[in-house]
Every structure is written in C-alpha cells, then in structure tokens.
Amino acid sequence: MASVRVECVAEERCGVGESPVWDEQEGALLFVDITGRKVCRWSPATRQAQAIPVDAPVSSVALQKSGDYVITLGTRFASLKWKEGQVTTITQVDQDKANTRFNDGKVDPAGRYFAGTMAEEVRPAVLERHQGSLYTLFSDLSVVKHFDQVDISNGLDWSLDHRTFFYIDSLSYSVDAFDYDLQTGKIGNRRSIYKMEKEESIPDGMCIDTEGKLWVACYDGGRVIRLDPETGKRLQTVKLPVDKTTSCCFGGKDYSEMYVTSASDGMDKEWLSRQPQAGGIFKITGLGVKGVPPYPFAG
C-alpha cells in the first residue's frame, strides 16, 4: 500500500473538527468545529472553506432531502438553510440535564437521524461519566431514546445490508454492533466487535466502505484504522501528522478519497509547534477502496 497519500487540504485550526460529510450536489465537504461553533463547507475547486457561525457547540451535520442541512446543536436537533445562514430548532433532548450536549450523528439508510449526547468536557475526553444517551430523530420529527448511561456517544454507521448498526461509546475503547431493523429503526443485541489497542487510543468517528469494512478515527492515536466487523481483525492503519484525529468519511467524485477531521483543543504551544496542522482537514488517497454516499435526512 505504498501509494497511500495523506495531505492537509484545509488548515482550519478547528478546536474540534468533526462530522465530515460529502455533499455530492455541491461537490464539497461539510464538517463542523464543535467548540468553534461553526458549520463549514470546503470546496476542492476553490480550496476554501466557508463557515456559518452558530449559537452553541455544533457536533454533527447531515444532508437533508430538501437540499438543506440538519445539525445537532447543543442539545437540539436543528435545520440549517445554508444560503440564508438560518438555523431553526426542530426539537430538544436531555431537558432534564443541564450539562450535556450532542456529539456525533449520522443518517441511517431509511433517512432517520441518529445522534447521541455526552456531558460537557472539563478537558478533552475528561467529563462526568454516564451522562449521555443515544437518540433518533424520525422523518415526522418525533424522537426516540434508545439507551442512556453513555460516556461519549460517537462513531456510527450501518452495514451494507442494513441489518447491523455500528456504534462507538469512546471511553469503552470498543467498536460495538447491534442488530438493526431498517423498517422500525430499532436496535438490539449489543456486542463488541473490536477492542482498541493501546497505541490506537480513543475510538472516535467512523465510516464504512463498499467492501463492508469499517474505518475508525483514533483520537490521540493520530491514525485511522480499517477493521473487519466479521472477524474483529484490524486490516490496515493509516497514520496522520496530527494526534487528534476525530472522524472520517469518503468523498470526491467517485467516493474514493477519504477525508479526516482533527482537533487542536487541549494542545499547548509546544505541541502545536510540532503539529502545526492540528485542527486541519486531511485527504487520504490511494486506499484502493471506495465509500458509501451519505444518506439524507427524510424529514
């Protein structure tokens, strides 16, 4: 795999860059900066990122059938009209908890928006435990809570046959699988399919490729790893020039490029001087595998 190439395409210095999503219609990469409180769109044509500021930590962004976007903002699901820069609250969760916010989110193959919460961090990955939950926003804008007692609700995706839901609660250092019912959006039979190695550190965002293998960004591990969910084996490791790799997605014209977000929060001056691209957006080419286009929210 000598042909794998890693390049920093956008030196954004995000506090916590997250939730990369390829917008095929725009030919651009969406992502958020959670602590920077902005939703961003980077164009490969101009090599520039535009940003829309928001009023709370924004932790995920997804496409919407209407052509707009949906986001998780604080403890709200919200819609975002990009051209107008207008954010409208859809609904709120965790109203009994003063100290939580949404984290990662993704739309399932039926157009439901899955997203989970976590406690506000004292420092990166340091927080009150078991405060989070996993939710689904349905197309009729109703919300279902699947379970609580979550530390850091993170990476999520679905198997190619849509019968398995993959999920990460970061501080469990595990990638988990659930049986999935696409008709109802119900999940069950949770099990661990991969336990992180020490040098891989904390599992963060995740995506799937067209061969059904999972790619997991390793926060504080400076890499993305490719896993076989059937065997629980690691198949490949791609190292990046920054430690705080946060999430990954496939994009580009044929979904053969991988985009990786990263963070700079929690790094001191000396650390940042060693890793000046921390918080940037990276493109990995030459992986020899393609990704699955993102599903739009049906609401």
Foldseek 3Di string as FASTA:
>chain_A
DVPKDKDFLFLPQAQFKDAWAQDQVQCWIWIFRQVQQWIWIAHPVVSDIDIQHDDAGWAYWFFAPVRWIWTFGFQFIWTARPVVSDIGTLDGPPPVDPFKGKHDWAAAPLQKIKTKMAGDAPAVLHGDFFAMWIWIQALVRDMDTQDTRAHHWAAWYAFPVRQKIWTDRFVVQFIKIWGADPVVRHTHDIDTQEHHDVLLATWHYWFAFPVRWIWTRRAQNQWIWIADSVNRDTDDIDGHQARGWHYWAFHDPQSQKMKIAFRDTPPDPVNCVSRVSGRTIMIIHDPPTGGDHGDHRHD
